[in-house]
Every structure is written in structure tokens, then in C-alpha cells.
Full PDB file with SEQRES, HELIX, SHEET, SSBOND, CRYST1, ORIGX, SCALE, CONECT and MASTER records, all heavy atoms in Angstrom:
SEQRES   1 A   36  GLY TYR ASP GLU ALA ASN LEU PRO PRO LEU PRO GLU ARG          
SEQRES   2 A   36  ALA LYS GLY VAL GLU GLY ARG LEU GLU GLU ASP GLU ILE          
SEQRES   3 A   36  PRO THR GLU THR ALA SER PHE PRO VAL SER                      
HELIX    1 AA1 GLU A    4  ASN A    6  5                                   3    
CRYST1    1.000    1.000    1.000  90.00  90.00  90.00 P 1           1          
ORIGX1      1.000000  0.000000  0.000000        0.00000                         
ORIGX2      0.000000  1.000000  0.000000        0.00000                         
ORIGX3      0.000000  0.000000  1.000000        0.00000                         
SCALE1      1.000000  0.000000  0.000000        0.00000                         
SCALE2      0.000000  1.000000  0.000000        0.00000                         
SCALE3      0.000000  0.000000  1.000000        0.00000                         
ATOM      1  N   GLY A   1      83.827  99.563 124.671  1.00  0.00           N  
ATOM      2  CA  GLY A   1      82.561 100.240 124.423  1.00  0.00           C  
ATOM      3  C   GLY A   1      82.702 101.632 123.847  1.00  0.00           C  
ATOM      4  O   GLY A   1      81.698 102.364 123.770  1.00  0.00           O  
ATOM      5  N   TYR A   2      83.907 102.001 123.448  1.00  0.00           N  
ATOM      6  CA  TYR A   2      84.094 103.351 122.906  1.00  0.00           C  
ATOM      7  C   TYR A   2      83.304 103.515 121.612  1.00  0.00           C  
ATOM      8  O   TYR A   2      83.299 102.636 120.743  1.00  0.00           O  
ATOM      9  CB  TYR A   2      85.576 103.604 122.649  1.00  0.00           C  
ATOM     10  CG  TYR A   2      85.900 104.994 122.144  1.00  0.00           C  
ATOM     11  CD1 TYR A   2      86.071 106.034 123.040  1.00  0.00           C  
ATOM     12  CD2 TYR A   2      86.005 105.254 120.782  1.00  0.00           C  
ATOM     13  CE1 TYR A   2      86.362 107.319 122.591  1.00  0.00           C  
ATOM     14  CE2 TYR A   2      86.294 106.525 120.321  1.00  0.00           C  
ATOM     15  CZ  TYR A   2      86.464 107.559 121.225  1.00  0.00           C  
ATOM     16  OH  TYR A   2      86.734 108.825 120.777  1.00  0.00           O  
ATOM     17  N   ASP A   3      82.651 104.663 121.450  1.00  0.00           N  
ATOM     18  CA  ASP A   3      81.859 104.961 120.252  1.00  0.00           C  
ATOM     19  C   ASP A   3      82.813 105.431 119.157  1.00  0.00           C  
ATOM     20  O   ASP A   3      83.372 106.530 119.225  1.00  0.00           O  
ATOM     21  CB  ASP A   3      80.833 106.044 120.562  1.00  0.00           C  
ATOM     22  CG  ASP A   3      79.890 106.284 119.387  1.00  0.00           C  
ATOM     23  OD1 ASP A   3      80.096 105.665 118.314  1.00  0.00           O  
ATOM     24  OD2 ASP A   3      78.955 107.103 119.545  1.00  0.00           O  
ATOM     25  N   GLU A   4      83.006 104.588 118.154  1.00  0.00           N  
ATOM     26  CA  GLU A   4      83.955 104.910 117.091  1.00  0.00           C  
ATOM     27  C   GLU A   4      83.533 106.107 116.262  1.00  0.00           C  
ATOM     28  O   GLU A   4      84.341 106.689 115.541  1.00  0.00           O  
ATOM     29  CB  GLU A   4      84.159 103.691 116.193  1.00  0.00           C  
ATOM     30  CG  GLU A   4      84.802 102.513 116.917  1.00  0.00           C  
ATOM     31  CD  GLU A   4      84.996 101.310 116.009  1.00  0.00           C  
ATOM     32  OE1 GLU A   4      84.802 101.466 114.778  1.00  0.00           O  
ATOM     33  OE2 GLU A   4      85.341 100.226 116.510  1.00  0.00           O  
ATOM     34  N   ALA A   5      82.279 106.492 116.385  1.00  0.00           N  
ATOM     35  CA  ALA A   5      81.831 107.686 115.667  1.00  0.00           C  
ATOM     36  C   ALA A   5      82.539 108.935 116.172  1.00  0.00           C  
ATOM     37  O   ALA A   5      82.573 109.966 115.480  1.00  0.00           O  
ATOM     38  CB  ALA A   5      80.314 107.847 115.808  1.00  0.00           C  
ATOM     39  N   ASN A   6      83.101 108.854 117.373  1.00  0.00           N  
ATOM     40  CA  ASN A   6      83.810 110.000 117.938  1.00  0.00           C  
ATOM     41  C   ASN A   6      85.263 110.088 117.476  1.00  0.00           C  
ATOM     42  O   ASN A   6      85.956 111.048 117.825  1.00  0.00           O  
ATOM     43  CB  ASN A   6      83.778 109.919 119.467  1.00  0.00           C  
ATOM     44  CG  ASN A   6      82.379 110.074 120.014  1.00  0.00           C  
ATOM     45  OD1 ASN A   6      81.557 110.803 119.449  1.00  0.00           O  
ATOM     46  ND2 ASN A   6      82.086 109.384 121.116  1.00  0.00           N  
ATOM     47  N   LEU A   7      85.726 109.088 116.733  1.00  0.00           N  
ATOM     48  CA  LEU A   7      87.074 109.156 116.172  1.00  0.00           C  
ATOM     49  C   LEU A   7      87.123 110.198 115.066  1.00  0.00           C  
ATOM     50  O   LEU A   7      86.099 110.453 114.393  1.00  0.00           O  
ATOM     51  CB  LEU A   7      87.509 107.796 115.628  1.00  0.00           C  
ATOM     52  CG  LEU A   7      87.740 106.669 116.638  1.00  0.00           C  
ATOM     53  CD1 LEU A   7      88.024 105.363 115.920  1.00  0.00           C  
ATOM     54  CD2 LEU A   7      88.896 107.019 117.575  1.00  0.00           C  
ATOM     55  N   PRO A   8      88.278 110.818 114.835  1.00  0.00           N  
ATOM     56  CA  PRO A   8      88.373 111.803 113.741  1.00  0.00           C  
ATOM     57  C   PRO A   8      88.181 111.138 112.386  1.00  0.00           C  
ATOM     58  O   PRO A   8      88.324 109.903 112.259  1.00  0.00           O  
ATOM     59  CB  PRO A   8      89.792 112.354 113.907  1.00  0.00           C  
ATOM     60  CG  PRO A   8      90.541 111.313 114.659  1.00  0.00           C  
ATOM     61  CD  PRO A   8      89.548 110.670 115.569  1.00  0.00           C  
ATOM     62  N   PRO A   9      87.853 111.896 111.361  1.00  0.00           N  
ATOM     63  CA  PRO A   9      87.689 111.327 110.020  1.00  0.00           C  
ATOM     64  C   PRO A   9      88.963 110.631 109.557  1.00  0.00           C  
ATOM     65  O   PRO A   9      90.063 110.942 110.014  1.00  0.00           O  
ATOM     66  CB  PRO A   9      87.380 112.555 109.152  1.00  0.00           C  
ATOM     67  CG  PRO A   9      86.899 113.597 110.099  1.00  0.00           C  
ATOM     68  CD  PRO A   9      87.625 113.357 111.382  1.00  0.00           C  
ATOM     69  N   LEU A  10      88.791 109.683 108.653  1.00  0.00           N  
ATOM     70  CA  LEU A  10      89.964 108.996 108.104  1.00  0.00           C  
ATOM     71  C   LEU A  10      90.895 109.999 107.439  1.00  0.00           C  
ATOM     72  O   LEU A  10      90.448 110.875 106.694  1.00  0.00           O  
ATOM     73  CB  LEU A  10      89.533 107.937 107.086  1.00  0.00           C  
ATOM     74  CG  LEU A  10      88.833 106.693 107.628  1.00  0.00           C  
ATOM     75  CD1 LEU A  10      88.300 105.850 106.478  1.00  0.00           C  
ATOM     76  CD2 LEU A  10      89.792 105.874 108.485  1.00  0.00           C  
ATOM     77  N   PRO A  11      92.195 109.902 107.692  1.00  0.00           N  
ATOM     78  CA  PRO A  11      93.137 110.842 107.066  1.00  0.00           C  
ATOM     79  C   PRO A  11      93.347 110.512 105.592  1.00  0.00           C  
ATOM     80  O   PRO A  11      92.909 109.470 105.091  1.00  0.00           O  
ATOM     81  CB  PRO A  11      94.415 110.621 107.869  1.00  0.00           C  
ATOM     82  CG  PRO A  11      94.327 109.208 108.347  1.00  0.00           C  
ATOM     83  CD  PRO A  11      92.866 108.958 108.591  1.00  0.00           C  
ATOM     84  N   GLU A  12      94.018 111.405 104.918  1.00  0.00           N  
ATOM     85  CA  GLU A  12      94.346 111.197 103.515  1.00  0.00           C  
ATOM     86  C   GLU A  12      95.200 109.941 103.370  1.00  0.00           C  
ATOM     87  O   GLU A  12      96.058 109.680 104.187  1.00  0.00           O  
ATOM     88  CB  GLU A  12      95.101 112.415 102.982  1.00  0.00           C  
ATOM     89  CG  GLU A  12      95.413 112.340 101.490  1.00  0.00           C  
ATOM     90  CD  GLU A  12      96.186 113.543 101.002  1.00  0.00           C  
ATOM     91  OE1 GLU A  12      96.448 114.453 101.824  1.00  0.00           O  
ATOM     92  OE2 GLU A  12      96.533 113.570  99.811  1.00  0.00           O  
ATOM     93  N   ARG A  13      94.955 109.162 102.340  1.00  0.00           N  
ATOM     94  CA  ARG A  13      95.620 107.901 102.005  1.00  0.00           C  
ATOM     95  C   ARG A  13      95.178 106.744 102.882  1.00  0.00           C  
ATOM     96  O   ARG A  13      95.698 105.633 102.747  1.00  0.00           O  
ATOM     97  CB  ARG A  13      97.149 108.021 102.077  1.00  0.00           C  
ATOM     98  CG  ARG A  13      97.768 109.043 101.141  1.00  0.00           C  
ATOM     99  CD  ARG A  13      97.518 108.737  99.673  1.00  0.00           C  
ATOM    100  NE  ARG A  13      97.906 107.407  99.272  1.00  0.00           N  
ATOM    101  CZ  ARG A  13      99.118 107.093  98.797  1.00  0.00           C  
ATOM    102  NH1 ARG A  13     100.045 108.042  98.684  1.00  0.00           N  
ATOM    103  NH2 ARG A  13      99.397 105.860  98.417  1.00  0.00           N  
ATOM    104  N   ALA A  14      94.187 106.950 103.771  1.00  0.00           N  
ATOM    105  CA  ALA A  14      93.632 105.840 104.545  1.00  0.00           C  
ATOM    106  C   ALA A  14      92.441 105.282 103.766  1.00  0.00           C  
ATOM    107  O   ALA A  14      91.536 106.024 103.385  1.00  0.00           O  
ATOM    108  CB  ALA A  14      93.199 106.300 105.921  1.00  0.00           C  
ATOM    109  N   LYS A  15      92.436 103.973 103.537  1.00  0.00           N  
ATOM    110  CA  LYS A  15      91.393 103.381 102.696  1.00  0.00           C  
ATOM    111  C   LYS A  15      90.259 102.768 103.494  1.00  0.00           C  
ATOM    112  O   LYS A  15      89.334 102.213 102.916  1.00  0.00           O  
ATOM    113  CB  LYS A  15      92.003 102.335 101.772  1.00  0.00           C  
ATOM    114  CG  LYS A  15      92.712 101.191 102.487  1.00  0.00           C  
ATOM    115  CD  LYS A  15      93.354 100.246 101.478  1.00  0.00           C  
ATOM    116  CE  LYS A  15      94.108  99.113 102.161  1.00  0.00           C  
ATOM    117  NZ  LYS A  15      94.746  98.208 101.184  1.00  0.00           N  
ATOM    118  N   GLY A  16      90.301 102.837 104.805  1.00  0.00           N  
ATOM    119  CA  GLY A  16      89.214 102.308 105.609  1.00  0.00           C  
ATOM    120  C   GLY A  16      89.714 101.735 106.920  1.00  0.00           C  
ATOM    121  O   GLY A  16      90.896 101.862 107.265  1.00  0.00           O  
ATOM    122  N   VAL A  17      88.805 101.093 107.649  1.00  0.00           N  
ATOM    123  CA  VAL A  17      89.130 100.495 108.939  1.00  0.00           C  
ATOM    124  C   VAL A  17      89.496  99.034 108.735  1.00  0.00           C  
ATOM    125  O   VAL A  17      88.786  98.293 108.037  1.00  0.00           O  
ATOM    126  CB  VAL A  17      87.957 100.624 109.921  1.00  0.00           C  
ATOM    127  CG1 VAL A  17      88.292  99.956 111.246  1.00  0.00           C  
ATOM    128  CG2 VAL A  17      87.610 102.086 110.142  1.00  0.00           C  
ATOM    129  N   GLU A  18      90.570  98.609 109.347  1.00  0.00           N  
ATOM    130  CA  GLU A  18      91.050  97.238 109.205  1.00  0.00           C  
ATOM    131  C   GLU A  18      89.979  96.248 109.641  1.00  0.00           C  
ATOM    132  O   GLU A  18      89.317  96.426 110.669  1.00  0.00           O  
ATOM    133  CB  GLU A  18      92.311  97.046 110.043  1.00  0.00           C  
ATOM    134  CG  GLU A  18      92.975  95.694 109.878  1.00  0.00           C  
ATOM    135  CD  GLU A  18      94.231  95.583 110.709  1.00  0.00           C  
ATOM    136  OE1 GLU A  18      94.156  95.833 111.930  1.00  0.00           O  
ATOM    137  OE2 GLU A  18      95.292  95.253 110.138  1.00  0.00           O  
ATOM    138  N   GLY A  19      89.800  95.183 108.845  1.00  0.00           N  
ATOM    139  CA  GLY A  19      88.826  94.157 109.171  1.00  0.00           C  
ATOM    140  C   GLY A  19      87.440  94.437 108.633  1.00  0.00           C  
ATOM    141  O   GLY A  19      86.551  93.596 108.741  1.00  0.00           O  
ATOM    142  N   ARG A  20      87.262  95.620 108.030  1.00  0.00           N  
ATOM    143  CA  ARG A  20      85.930  95.973 107.509  1.00  0.00           C  
ATOM    144  C   ARG A  20      85.981  96.295 106.025  1.00  0.00           C  
ATOM    145  O   ARG A  20      85.093  96.951 105.489  1.00  0.00           O  
ATOM    146  CB  ARG A  20      85.382  97.179 108.281  1.00  0.00           C  
ATOM    147  CG  ARG A  20      85.275  96.902 109.774  1.00  0.00           C  
ATOM    148  CD  ARG A  20      84.892  98.108 110.556  1.00  0.00           C  
ATOM    149  NE  ARG A  20      85.118  97.880 111.986  1.00  0.00           N  
ATOM    150  CZ  ARG A  20      84.981  98.808 112.912  1.00  0.00           C  
ATOM    151  NH1 ARG A  20      84.594 100.022 112.575  1.00  0.00           N  
ATOM    152  NH2 ARG A  20      85.230  98.534 114.183  1.00  0.00           N  
ATOM    153  N   LEU A  21      87.028  95.866 105.367  1.00  0.00           N  
ATOM    154  CA  LEU A  21      87.136  96.051 103.916  1.00  0.00           C  
ATOM    155  C   LEU A  21      87.998  94.948 103.365  1.00  0.00           C  
ATOM    156  O   LEU A  21      88.695  94.244 104.095  1.00  0.00           O  
ATOM    157  CB  LEU A  21      87.734  97.428 103.588  1.00  0.00           C  
ATOM    158  CG  LEU A  21      89.012  97.865 104.328  1.00  0.00           C  
ATOM    159  CD1 LEU A  21      90.246  97.213 103.759  1.00  0.00           C  
ATOM    160  CD2 LEU A  21      89.155  99.379 104.251  1.00  0.00           C  
ATOM    161  N   GLU A  22      87.934  94.749 102.072  1.00  0.00           N  
ATOM    162  CA  GLU A  22      88.774  93.754 101.410  1.00  0.00           C  
ATOM    163  C   GLU A  22      90.161  94.352 101.214  1.00  0.00           C  
ATOM    164  O   GLU A  22      90.333  95.369 100.550  1.00  0.00           O  
ATOM    165  CB  GLU A  22      88.178  93.356 100.059  1.00  0.00           C  
ATOM    166  CG  GLU A  22      86.872  92.570 100.180  1.00  0.00           C  
ATOM    167  CD  GLU A  22      86.422  92.060  98.826  1.00  0.00           C  
ATOM    168  OE1 GLU A  22      87.199  92.214  97.859  1.00  0.00           O  
ATOM    169  OE2 GLU A  22      85.318  91.518  98.740  1.00  0.00           O  
ATOM    170  N   GLU A  23      91.126  93.700 101.825  1.00  0.00           N  
ATOM    171  CA  GLU A  23      92.491  94.217 101.739  1.00  0.00           C  
ATOM    172  C   GLU A  23      93.028  94.063 100.315  1.00  0.00           C  
ATOM    173  O   GLU A  23      92.857  93.027  99.676  1.00  0.00           O  
ATOM    174  CB  GLU A  23      93.408  93.466 102.713  1.00  0.00           C  
ATOM    175  CG  GLU A  23      93.027  93.653 104.167  1.00  0.00           C  
ATOM    176  CD  GLU A  23      93.284  95.074 104.636  1.00  0.00           C  
ATOM    177  OE1 GLU A  23      94.057  95.782 103.964  1.00  0.00           O  
ATOM    178  OE2 GLU A  23      92.694  95.458 105.655  1.00  0.00           O  
ATOM    179  N   ASP A  24      93.625  95.140  99.819  1.00  0.00           N  
ATOM    180  CA  ASP A  24      94.268  95.079  98.506  1.00  0.00           C  
ATOM    181  C   ASP A  24      95.590  94.343  98.632  1.00  0.00           C  
ATOM    182  O   ASP A  24      96.346  94.577  99.557  1.00  0.00           O  
ATOM    183  CB  ASP A  24      94.549  96.493  97.962  1.00  0.00           C  
ATOM    184  CG  ASP A  24      93.244  97.243  97.703  1.00  0.00           C  
ATOM    185  OD1 ASP A  24      92.265  96.575  97.368  1.00  0.00           O  
ATOM    186  OD2 ASP A  24      93.237  98.485  97.849  1.00  0.00           O  
ATOM    187  N   GLU A  25      95.863  93.458  97.716  1.00  0.00           N  
ATOM    188  CA  GLU A  25      97.137  92.750  97.722  1.00  0.00           C  
ATOM    189  C   GLU A  25      98.208  93.600  97.054  1.00  0.00           C  
ATOM    190  O   GLU A  25      97.979  94.205  96.014  1.00  0.00           O  
ATOM    191  CB  GLU A  25      97.019  91.416  96.992  1.00  0.00           C  
ATOM    192  CG  GLU A  25      96.125  90.408  97.707  1.00  0.00           C  
ATOM    193  CD  GLU A  25      96.169  89.062  97.023  1.00  0.00           C  
ATOM    194  OE1 GLU A  25      96.885  88.969  96.009  1.00  0.00           O  
ATOM    195  OE2 GLU A  25      95.496  88.149  97.504  1.00  0.00           O  
ATOM    196  N   ILE A  26      99.357  93.656  97.678  1.00  0.00           N  
ATOM    197  CA  ILE A  26     100.471  94.400  97.088  1.00  0.00           C  
ATOM    198  C   ILE A  26     101.056  93.565  95.960  1.00  0.00           C  
ATOM    199  O   ILE A  26     101.437  92.419  96.168  1.00  0.00           O  
ATOM    200  CB  ILE A  26     101.552  94.689  98.139  1.00  0.00           C  
ATOM    201  CG1 ILE A  26     100.961  95.569  99.247  1.00  0.00           C  
ATOM    202  CG2 ILE A  26     102.767  95.354  97.511  1.00  0.00           C  
ATOM    203  CD1 ILE A  26     101.938  95.880 100.352  1.00  0.00           C  
ATOM    204  N   PRO A  27     101.098  94.112  94.724  1.00  0.00           N  
ATOM    205  CA  PRO A  27     101.628  93.322  93.602  1.00  0.00           C  
ATOM    206  C   PRO A  27     103.106  93.012  93.811  1.00  0.00           C  
ATOM    207  O   PRO A  27     103.831  93.762  94.452  1.00  0.00           O  
ATOM    208  CB  PRO A  27     101.415  94.256  92.391  1.00  0.00           C  
ATOM    209  CG  PRO A  27     101.353  95.640  92.975  1.00  0.00           C  
ATOM    210  CD  PRO A  27     100.718  95.474  94.327  1.00  0.00           C  
ATOM    211  N   THR A  28     103.501  91.891  93.256  1.00  0.00           N  
ATOM    212  CA  THR A  28     104.905  91.482  93.406  1.00  0.00           C  
ATOM    213  C   THR A  28     105.813  92.196  92.419  1.00  0.00           C  
ATOM    214  O   THR A  28     107.011  92.238  92.605  1.00  0.00           O  
ATOM    215  CB  THR A  28     105.033  89.968  93.196  1.00  0.00           C  
ATOM    216  OG1 THR A  28     104.495  89.625  91.913  1.00  0.00           O  
ATOM    217  CG2 THR A  28     104.256  89.223  94.260  1.00  0.00           C  
ATOM    218  N   GLU A  29     105.248  92.760  91.330  1.00  0.00           N  
ATOM    219  CA  GLU A  29     106.058  93.471  90.353  1.00  0.00           C  
ATOM    220  C   GLU A  29     105.733  94.959  90.414  1.00  0.00           C  
ATOM    221  O   GLU A  29     104.582  95.357  90.559  1.00  0.00           O  
ATOM    222  CB  GLU A  29     105.797  92.951  88.940  1.00  0.00           C  
ATOM    223  CG  GLU A  29     106.202  91.475  88.752  1.00  0.00           C  
ATOM    224  CD  GLU A  29     106.004  91.027  87.333  1.00  0.00           C  
ATOM    225  OE1 GLU A  29     105.537  91.846  86.523  1.00  0.00           O  
ATOM    226  OE2 GLU A  29     106.323  89.870  87.037  1.00  0.00           O  
ATOM    227  N   THR A  30     106.723  95.790  90.309  1.00  0.00           N  
ATOM    228  CA  THR A  30     106.512  97.228  90.351  1.00  0.00           C  
ATOM    229  C   THR A  30     106.292  97.772  88.957  1.00  0.00           C  
ATOM    230  O   THR A  30     106.716  97.195  87.954  1.00  0.00           O  
ATOM    231  CB  THR A  30     107.729  97.925  90.955  1.00  0.00           C  
ATOM    232  OG1 THR A  30     108.850  97.659  90.125  1.00  0.00           O  
ATOM    233  CG2 THR A  30     108.010  97.403  92.353  1.00  0.00           C  
ATOM    234  N   ALA A  31     105.597  98.897  88.901  1.00  0.00           N  
ATOM    235  CA  ALA A  31     105.359  99.544  87.617  1.00  0.00           C  
ATOM    236  C   ALA A  31     106.613 100.257  87.159  1.00  0.00           C  
ATOM    237  O   ALA A  31     107.483 100.603  87.958  1.00  0.00           O  
ATOM    238  CB  ALA A  31     104.208 100.538  87.755  1.00  0.00           C  
ATOM    239  N   SER A  32     106.741 100.485  85.858  1.00  0.00           N  
ATOM    240  CA  SER A  32     107.894 101.217  85.361  1.00  0.00           C  
ATOM    241  C   SER A  32     107.689 102.708  85.582  1.00  0.00           C  
ATOM    242  O   SER A  32     106.564 103.207  85.624  1.00  0.00           O  
ATOM    243  CB  SER A  32     108.088 100.926  83.868  1.00  0.00           C  
ATOM    244  OG  SER A  32     106.942 101.332  83.142  1.00  0.00           O  
ATOM    245  N   PHE A  33     108.777 103.457  85.712  1.00  0.00           N  
ATOM    246  CA  PHE A  33     108.679 104.884  86.011  1.00  0.00           C  
ATOM    247  C   PHE A  33     110.015 105.541  85.745  1.00  0.00           C  
ATOM    248  O   PHE A  33     111.054 104.890  85.745  1.00  0.00           O  
ATOM    249  CB  PHE A  33     108.303 105.110  87.480  1.00  0.00           C  
ATOM    250  CG  PHE A  33     109.262 104.468  88.437  1.00  0.00           C  
ATOM    251  CD1 PHE A  33     110.354 105.164  88.921  1.00  0.00           C  
ATOM    252  CD2 PHE A  33     109.091 103.148  88.818  1.00  0.00           C  
ATOM    253  CE1 PHE A  33     111.242 104.566  89.783  1.00  0.00           C  
ATOM    254  CE2 PHE A  33     109.999 102.556  89.679  1.00  0.00           C  
ATOM    255  CZ  PHE A  33     111.075 103.258  90.158  1.00  0.00           C  
ATOM    256  N   PRO A  34     110.022 106.841  85.528  1.00  0.00           N  
ATOM    257  CA  PRO A  34     111.290 107.561  85.387  1.00  0.00           C  
ATOM    258  C   PRO A  34     112.035 107.585  86.716  1.00  0.00           C  
ATOM    259  O   PRO A  34     111.430 107.805  87.756  1.00  0.00           O  
ATOM    260  CB  PRO A  34     110.855 108.969  84.966  1.00  0.00           C  
ATOM    261  CG  PRO A  34     109.428 108.845  84.550  1.00  0.00           C  
ATOM    262  CD  PRO A  34     108.859 107.689  85.311  1.00  0.00           C  
ATOM    263  N   VAL A  35     113.342 107.376  86.685  1.00  0.00           N  
ATOM    264  CA  VAL A  35     114.125 107.347  87.909  1.00  0.00           C  
ATOM    265  C   VAL A  35     114.071 108.678  88.635  1.00  0.00           C  
ATOM    266  O   VAL A  35     114.120 108.741  89.862  1.00  0.00           O  
ATOM    267  CB  VAL A  35     115.580 106.961  87.592  1.00  0.00           C  
ATOM    268  CG1 VAL A  35     116.466 107.112  88.818  1.00  0.00           C  
ATOM    269  CG2 VAL A  35     115.635 105.553  87.060  1.00  0.00           C  
ATOM    270  N   SER A  36     113.960 109.761  87.914  1.00  0.00           N  
ATOM    271  CA  SER A  36     113.984 111.075  88.537  1.00  0.00           C  
ATOM    272  C   SER A  36     112.657 111.466  89.171  1.00  0.00           C  
ATOM    273  O   SER A  36     112.553 112.513  89.806  1.00  0.00           O  
ATOM    274  CB  SER A  36     114.359 112.138  87.494  1.00  0.00           C  
ATOM    275  OG  SER A  36     113.415 112.136  86.435  1.00  0.00           O  
TER     276      SER A  36                                                      
MASTER        0    0    0    1    0    0    0    6  275    1    0    3          
END                                                                             
């Protein structure tokens, strides 16, 4: 029965609460990038 409104705001890089959004699928191929 805890009121979730009392939880702190979502931190940076948090995309939402689990089970209440469409989960993004992690692609199987990585993007190209400079090694450094």
C-alpha cells in the first residue's frame, strides 16, 4: 500500500517504471565508433 508518489523522482538515464512502459529491445549489432 505504499504511495509511490512519495518515491524520489526518476534519476538520470532512468526511462520509467518497469511494467508500465514498452521495453526497448537491445540491438544485437553495435554501432560503429572511434576506439578512443
